[in-house]
Amino acid sequence: MTSAGRFTRYLWAAPASALGVILGAVGIVAGGRMSRHTGVLEVEGRLLAWGLTRLTWLEDGATAITFGHVVLARDQASLDWTRGHERVHVRQYERWGPLFIPVYVAASAWVMAHGRDPYWDNPFEREARDLESAV
Protein backbone atom coordinates (compact mmCIF):
# COMPACT_ATOMS: atom_id res chain seq x y z
CA MET A 1 0.00 0.00 0.00
CA THR A 2 1.21 3.48 -0.78
CA SER A 3 1.99 5.97 1.94
CA ALA A 4 -0.96 8.08 0.70
CA GLY A 5 -3.27 5.06 1.15
CA ARG A 6 -1.92 4.43 4.65
CA PHE A 7 -2.39 8.10 5.54
CA THR A 8 -5.99 8.00 4.29
CA ARG A 9 -6.77 4.90 6.39
CA TYR A 10 -5.35 6.58 9.51
CA LEU A 11 -7.14 9.85 8.78
CA TRP A 12 -10.51 8.14 8.20
CA ALA A 13 -10.21 6.32 11.54
CA ALA A 14 -8.77 9.39 13.34
CA PRO A 15 -11.92 10.48 15.24
CA ALA A 16 -12.16 7.09 16.95
CA SER A 17 -8.39 6.94 17.42
CA ALA A 18 -8.55 10.32 19.20
CA LEU A 19 -11.09 8.88 21.64
CA GLY A 20 -8.79 5.88 22.18
CA VAL A 21 -5.82 8.17 22.82
CA ILE A 22 -7.79 10.14 25.42
CA LEU A 23 -8.95 7.00 27.23
CA GLY A 24 -5.47 5.49 26.92
CA ALA A 25 -3.89 8.63 28.37
CA VAL A 26 -6.13 8.31 31.43
CA GLY A 27 -4.95 4.71 31.78
CA ILE A 28 -1.30 5.73 31.46
CA VAL A 29 -1.63 8.51 34.04
CA ALA A 30 -3.02 5.85 36.39
CA GLY A 31 0.10 3.71 35.96
CA GLY A 32 -0.67 1.91 32.71
CA ARG A 33 1.76 1.17 29.90
CA MET A 34 1.74 2.04 26.23
CA SER A 35 3.49 0.43 23.27
CA ARG A 36 3.22 0.40 19.49
CA HIS A 37 2.67 -2.86 17.65
CA THR A 38 2.09 -3.19 13.89
CA GLY A 39 1.08 0.45 13.54
CA VAL A 40 -1.41 0.32 16.41
CA LEU A 41 -1.08 2.02 19.79
CA GLU A 42 -1.67 -0.53 22.56
CA VAL A 43 -2.39 0.58 26.13
CA GLU A 44 -2.93 -1.60 29.19
CA GLY A 45 -3.19 -1.03 32.90
CA ARG A 46 -5.16 -1.43 36.11
CA LEU A 47 -7.58 1.45 35.52
CA LEU A 48 -8.32 0.19 32.02
CA ALA A 49 -8.82 -3.31 33.43
CA TRP A 50 -11.29 -1.89 35.94
CA GLY A 51 -13.22 -0.06 33.21
CA LEU A 52 -13.21 -2.99 30.79
CA THR A 53 -14.45 -5.28 33.54
CA ARG A 54 -17.18 -3.04 34.93
CA LEU A 55 -18.25 -0.60 32.22
CA THR A 56 -19.23 -2.95 29.40
CA TRP A 57 -22.42 -4.92 28.86
CA LEU A 58 -20.54 -8.25 28.74
CA GLU A 59 -21.13 -10.41 31.80
CA ASP A 60 -17.42 -10.81 32.58
CA GLY A 61 -16.43 -7.55 30.97
CA ALA A 62 -14.26 -7.03 27.91
CA THR A 63 -10.68 -8.19 27.63
CA ALA A 64 -9.81 -5.43 25.15
CA ILE A 65 -11.53 -2.79 23.05
CA THR A 66 -10.47 -0.97 19.91
CA PHE A 67 -10.95 2.69 19.03
CA GLY A 68 -9.53 3.34 15.55
CA HIS A 69 -5.82 2.58 15.74
CA VAL A 70 -5.78 2.31 19.54
CA VAL A 71 -6.37 -0.90 21.51
CA LEU A 72 -7.08 -0.67 25.24
CA ALA A 73 -6.68 -3.85 27.27
CA ARG A 74 -6.65 -5.15 30.82
CA ASP A 75 -2.98 -6.20 30.72
CA GLN A 76 -0.18 -7.31 28.41
CA ALA A 77 -1.45 -10.90 28.29
CA SER A 78 -4.83 -9.57 27.13
CA LEU A 79 -3.16 -7.56 24.37
CA ASP A 80 -1.23 -10.61 23.21
CA TRP A 81 -4.27 -12.90 23.35
CA THR A 82 -6.67 -10.56 21.51
CA ARG A 83 -4.27 -9.04 18.99
CA GLY A 84 -5.66 -10.82 15.92
CA HIS A 85 -9.27 -10.11 16.89
CA GLU A 86 -8.61 -6.45 17.66
CA ARG A 87 -6.66 -5.98 14.40
CA VAL A 88 -9.79 -7.02 12.51
CA HIS A 89 -11.60 -4.21 14.36
CA VAL A 90 -8.80 -1.80 13.34
CA ARG A 91 -9.45 -2.75 9.69
CA GLN A 92 -13.19 -2.25 10.27
CA TYR A 93 -12.50 1.27 11.56
CA GLU A 94 -10.38 1.90 8.47
CA ARG A 95 -13.36 0.85 6.33
CA TRP A 96 -16.15 2.62 8.26
CA GLY A 97 -14.24 5.56 9.77
CA PRO A 98 -16.34 7.82 12.02
CA LEU A 99 -19.43 5.75 11.15
CA PHE A 100 -18.07 2.62 12.82
CA ILE A 101 -19.25 3.27 16.39
CA PRO A 102 -22.83 4.25 15.49
CA VAL A 103 -23.12 1.40 12.95
CA TYR A 104 -21.69 -1.09 15.48
CA VAL A 105 -24.22 0.05 18.10
CA ALA A 106 -27.04 -0.10 15.54
CA ALA A 107 -26.00 -3.64 14.57
CA SER A 108 -26.09 -4.66 18.24
CA ALA A 109 -29.54 -3.13 18.64
CA TRP A 110 -30.76 -4.86 15.49
CA VAL A 111 -29.64 -8.34 16.57
CA MET A 112 -30.96 -7.78 20.11
CA ALA A 113 -34.33 -6.72 18.69
CA HIS A 114 -34.37 -10.06 16.90
CA GLY A 115 -33.76 -12.03 20.10
CA ARG A 116 -30.04 -12.56 19.60
CA ASP A 117 -27.01 -11.57 21.64
CA PRO A 118 -25.87 -7.95 21.00
CA TYR A 119 -22.19 -8.88 21.28
CA TRP A 120 -21.79 -12.46 20.06
CA ASP A 121 -24.20 -12.04 17.16
CA ASN A 122 -23.06 -8.56 16.12
CA PRO A 123 -21.80 -8.91 12.51
CA PHE A 124 -18.64 -6.93 13.32
CA GLU A 125 -17.78 -9.33 16.14
CA ARG A 126 -18.60 -12.35 14.01
CA GLU A 127 -16.25 -11.06 11.30
CA ALA A 128 -13.52 -10.45 13.90
CA ARG A 129 -13.88 -14.00 15.24
CA ASP A 130 -13.89 -15.44 11.72
CA LEU A 131 -10.76 -13.55 10.61
CA GLU A 132 -8.72 -13.19 13.82
CA SER A 133 -6.43 -16.13 13.12
CA ALA A 134 -5.67 -14.83 9.61
CA VAL A 135 -4.32 -11.50 10.88
C-alpha atoms as a PDB file:
ATOM      1  CA  MET A   1       0.000   0.000   0.000  1.00  0.00           C
ATOM      2  CA  THR A   2       1.213   3.476  -0.781  1.00  0.00           C
ATOM      3  CA  SER A   3       1.989   5.965   1.940  1.00  0.00           C
ATOM      4  CA  ALA A   4      -0.958   8.077   0.705  1.00  0.00           C
ATOM      5  CA  GLY A   5      -3.269   5.063   1.151  1.00  0.00           C
ATOM      6  CA  ARG A   6      -1.925   4.427   4.653  1.00  0.00           C
ATOM      7  CA  PHE A   7      -2.387   8.095   5.543  1.00  0.00           C
ATOM      8  CA  THR A   8      -5.990   8.004   4.293  1.00  0.00           C
ATOM      9  CA  ARG A   9      -6.766   4.902   6.390  1.00  0.00           C
ATOM     10  CA  TYR A  10      -5.352   6.575   9.509  1.00  0.00           C
ATOM     11  CA  LEU A  11      -7.142   9.846   8.775  1.00  0.00           C
ATOM     12  CA  TRP A  12     -10.514   8.144   8.202  1.00  0.00           C
ATOM     13  CA  ALA A  13     -10.215   6.315  11.544  1.00  0.00           C
ATOM     14  CA  ALA A  14      -8.775   9.387  13.336  1.00  0.00           C
ATOM     15  CA  PRO A  15     -11.917  10.482  15.243  1.00  0.00           C
ATOM     16  CA  ALA A  16     -12.157   7.088  16.950  1.00  0.00           C
ATOM     17  CA  SER A  17      -8.386   6.942  17.418  1.00  0.00           C
ATOM     18  CA  ALA A  18      -8.549  10.317  19.198  1.00  0.00           C
ATOM     19  CA  LEU A  19     -11.087   8.881  21.638  1.00  0.00           C
ATOM     20  CA  GLY A  20      -8.790   5.884  22.178  1.00  0.00           C
ATOM     21  CA  VAL A  21      -5.821   8.173  22.816  1.00  0.00           C
ATOM     22  CA  ILE A  22      -7.792  10.143  25.423  1.00  0.00           C
ATOM     23  CA  LEU A  23      -8.948   6.996  27.226  1.00  0.00           C
ATOM     24  CA  GLY A  24      -5.469   5.489  26.923  1.00  0.00           C
ATOM     25  CA  ALA A  25      -3.885   8.632  28.373  1.00  0.00           C
ATOM     26  CA  VAL A  26      -6.126   8.314  31.435  1.00  0.00           C
ATOM     27  CA  GLY A  27      -4.952   4.713  31.776  1.00  0.00           C
ATOM     28  CA  ILE A  28      -1.297   5.727  31.456  1.00  0.00           C
ATOM     29  CA  VAL A  29      -1.625   8.506  34.040  1.00  0.00           C
ATOM     30  CA  ALA A  30      -3.018   5.854  36.395  1.00  0.00           C
ATOM     31  CA  GLY A  31       0.098   3.713  35.959  1.00  0.00           C
ATOM     32  CA  GLY A  32      -0.674   1.907  32.705  1.00  0.00           C
ATOM     33  CA  ARG A  33       1.761   1.169  29.898  1.00  0.00           C
ATOM     34  CA  MET A  34       1.739   2.038  26.229  1.00  0.00           C
ATOM     35  CA  SER A  35       3.487   0.428  23.267  1.00  0.00           C
ATOM     36  CA  ARG A  36       3.218   0.398  19.493  1.00  0.00           C
ATOM     37  CA  HIS A  37       2.669  -2.862  17.652  1.00  0.00           C
ATOM     38  CA  THR A  38       2.094  -3.192  13.885  1.00  0.00           C
ATOM     39  CA  GLY A  39       1.082   0.451  13.536  1.00  0.00           C
ATOM     40  CA  VAL A  40      -1.406   0.325  16.408  1.00  0.00           C
ATOM     41  CA  LEU A  41      -1.077   2.016  19.785  1.00  0.00           C
ATOM     42  CA  GLU A  42      -1.666  -0.526  22.564  1.00  0.00           C
ATOM     43  CA  VAL A  43      -2.393   0.583  26.127  1.00  0.00           C
ATOM     44  CA  GLU A  44      -2.932  -1.597  29.187  1.00  0.00           C
ATOM     45  CA  GLY A  45      -3.195  -1.034  32.900  1.00  0.00           C
ATOM     46  CA  ARG A  46      -5.162  -1.428  36.113  1.00  0.00           C
ATOM     47  CA  LEU A  47      -7.579   1.451  35.519  1.00  0.00           C
ATOM     48  CA  LEU A  48      -8.318   0.193  32.019  1.00  0.00           C
ATOM     49  CA  ALA A  49      -8.825  -3.312  33.434  1.00  0.00           C
ATOM     50  CA  TRP A  50     -11.291  -1.889  35.944  1.00  0.00           C
ATOM     51  CA  GLY A  51     -13.217  -0.064  33.212  1.00  0.00           C
ATOM     52  CA  LEU A  52     -13.215  -2.986  30.795  1.00  0.00           C
ATOM     53  CA  THR A  53     -14.446  -5.282  33.540  1.00  0.00           C
ATOM     54  CA  ARG A  54     -17.182  -3.040  34.930  1.00  0.00           C
ATOM     55  CA  LEU A  55     -18.253  -0.600  32.218  1.00  0.00           C
ATOM     56  CA  THR A  56     -19.227  -2.949  29.399  1.00  0.00           C
ATOM     57  CA  TRP A  57     -22.421  -4.923  28.862  1.00  0.00           C
ATOM     58  CA  LEU A  58     -20.545  -8.248  28.743  1.00  0.00           C
ATOM     59  CA  GLU A  59     -21.130 -10.414  31.796  1.00  0.00           C
ATOM     60  CA  ASP A  60     -17.416 -10.815  32.585  1.00  0.00           C
ATOM     61  CA  GLY A  61     -16.433  -7.546  30.971  1.00  0.00           C
ATOM     62  CA  ALA A  62     -14.262  -7.026  27.911  1.00  0.00           C
ATOM     63  CA  THR A  63     -10.681  -8.194  27.635  1.00  0.00           C
ATOM     64  CA  ALA A  64      -9.811  -5.434  25.153  1.00  0.00           C
ATOM     65  CA  ILE A  65     -11.527  -2.785  23.053  1.00  0.00           C
ATOM     66  CA  THR A  66     -10.473  -0.973  19.906  1.00  0.00           C
ATOM     67  CA  PHE A  67     -10.950   2.694  19.025  1.00  0.00           C
ATOM     68  CA  GLY A  68      -9.528   3.336  15.552  1.00  0.00           C
ATOM     69  CA  HIS A  69      -5.816   2.578  15.737  1.00  0.00           C
ATOM     70  CA  VAL A  70      -5.780   2.308  19.538  1.00  0.00           C
ATOM     71  CA  VAL A  71      -6.370  -0.898  21.507  1.00  0.00           C
ATOM     72  CA  LEU A  72      -7.084  -0.674  25.237  1.00  0.00           C
ATOM     73  CA  ALA A  73      -6.678  -3.850  27.270  1.00  0.00           C
ATOM     74  CA  ARG A  74      -6.645  -5.148  30.820  1.00  0.00           C
ATOM     75  CA  ASP A  75      -2.978  -6.197  30.720  1.00  0.00           C
ATOM     76  CA  GLN A  76      -0.179  -7.308  28.407  1.00  0.00           C
ATOM     77  CA  ALA A  77      -1.449 -10.896  28.290  1.00  0.00           C
ATOM     78  CA  SER A  78      -4.826  -9.571  27.128  1.00  0.00           C
ATOM     79  CA  LEU A  79      -3.156  -7.558  24.372  1.00  0.00           C
ATOM     80  CA  ASP A  80      -1.232 -10.606  23.206  1.00  0.00           C
ATOM     81  CA  TRP A  81      -4.268 -12.904  23.353  1.00  0.00           C
ATOM     82  CA  THR A  82      -6.675 -10.559  21.513  1.00  0.00           C
ATOM     83  CA  ARG A  83      -4.265  -9.044  18.989  1.00  0.00           C
ATOM     84  CA  GLY A  84      -5.661 -10.823  15.920  1.00  0.00           C
ATOM     85  CA  HIS A  85      -9.271 -10.110  16.886  1.00  0.00           C
ATOM     86  CA  GLU A  86      -8.611  -6.446  17.655  1.00  0.00           C
ATOM     87  CA  ARG A  87      -6.661  -5.976  14.400  1.00  0.00           C
ATOM     88  CA  VAL A  88      -9.791  -7.020  12.514  1.00  0.00           C
ATOM     89  CA  HIS A  89     -11.599  -4.214  14.357  1.00  0.00           C
ATOM     90  CA  VAL A  90      -8.802  -1.801  13.342  1.00  0.00           C
ATOM     91  CA  ARG A  91      -9.454  -2.752   9.685  1.00  0.00           C
ATOM     92  CA  GLN A  92     -13.193  -2.249  10.270  1.00  0.00           C
ATOM     93  CA  TYR A  93     -12.499   1.275  11.558  1.00  0.00           C
ATOM     94  CA  GLU A  94     -10.384   1.903   8.467  1.00  0.00           C
ATOM     95  CA  ARG A  95     -13.357   0.853   6.332  1.00  0.00           C
ATOM     96  CA  TRP A  96     -16.152   2.621   8.263  1.00  0.00           C
ATOM     97  CA  GLY A  97     -14.237   5.564   9.774  1.00  0.00           C
ATOM     98  CA  PRO A  98     -16.337   7.815  12.021  1.00  0.00           C
ATOM     99  CA  LEU A  99     -19.426   5.752  11.146  1.00  0.00           C
ATOM    100  CA  PHE A 100     -18.069   2.619  12.820  1.00  0.00           C
ATOM    101  CA  ILE A 101     -19.248   3.273  16.392  1.00  0.00           C
ATOM    102  CA  PRO A 102     -22.831   4.249  15.494  1.00  0.00           C
ATOM    103  CA  VAL A 103     -23.122   1.403  12.953  1.00  0.00           C
ATOM    104  CA  TYR A 104     -21.688  -1.088  15.480  1.00  0.00           C
ATOM    105  CA  VAL A 105     -24.216   0.047  18.105  1.00  0.00           C
ATOM    106  CA  ALA A 106     -27.044  -0.097  15.544  1.00  0.00           C
ATOM    107  CA  ALA A 107     -26.000  -3.637  14.570  1.00  0.00           C
ATOM    108  CA  SER A 108     -26.089  -4.665  18.240  1.00  0.00           C
ATOM    109  CA  ALA A 109     -29.539  -3.128  18.641  1.00  0.00           C
ATOM    110  CA  TRP A 110     -30.759  -4.864  15.493  1.00  0.00           C
ATOM    111  CA  VAL A 111     -29.635  -8.339  16.571  1.00  0.00           C
ATOM    112  CA  MET A 112     -30.958  -7.778  20.108  1.00  0.00           C
ATOM    113  CA  ALA A 113     -34.334  -6.716  18.694  1.00  0.00           C
ATOM    114  CA  HIS A 114     -34.373 -10.060  16.899  1.00  0.00           C
ATOM    115  CA  GLY A 115     -33.756 -12.025  20.096  1.00  0.00           C
ATOM    116  CA  ARG A 116     -30.039 -12.561  19.599  1.00  0.00           C
ATOM    117  CA  ASP A 117     -27.006 -11.572  21.643  1.00  0.00           C
ATOM    118  CA  PRO A 118     -25.866  -7.954  21.003  1.00  0.00           C
ATOM    119  CA  TYR A 119     -22.187  -8.880  21.279  1.00  0.00           C
ATOM    120  CA  TRP A 120     -21.791 -12.457  20.063  1.00  0.00           C
ATOM    121  CA  ASP A 121     -24.205 -12.041  17.156  1.00  0.00           C
ATOM    122  CA  ASN A 122     -23.059  -8.564  16.120  1.00  0.00           C
ATOM    123  CA  PRO A 123     -21.796  -8.913  12.514  1.00  0.00           C
ATOM    124  CA  PHE A 124     -18.639  -6.927  13.320  1.00  0.00           C
ATOM    125  CA  GLU A 125     -17.779  -9.331  16.138  1.00  0.00           C
ATOM    126  CA  ARG A 126     -18.597 -12.348  14.006  1.00  0.00           C
ATOM    127  CA  GLU A 127     -16.248 -11.058  11.301  1.00  0.00           C
ATOM    128  CA  ALA A 128     -13.523 -10.455  13.900  1.00  0.00           C
ATOM    129  CA  ARG A 129     -13.881 -14.004  15.241  1.00  0.00           C
ATOM    130  CA  ASP A 130     -13.890 -15.439  11.718  1.00  0.00           C
ATOM    131  CA  LEU A 131     -10.762 -13.550  10.614  1.00  0.00           C
ATOM    132  CA  GLU A 132      -8.720 -13.186  13.823  1.00  0.00           C
ATOM    133  CA  SER A 133      -6.430 -16.134  13.118  1.00  0.00           C
ATOM    134  CA  ALA A 134      -5.672 -14.832   9.606  1.00  0.00           C
ATOM    135  CA  VAL A 135      -4.318 -11.499  10.885  1.00  0.00           C
END
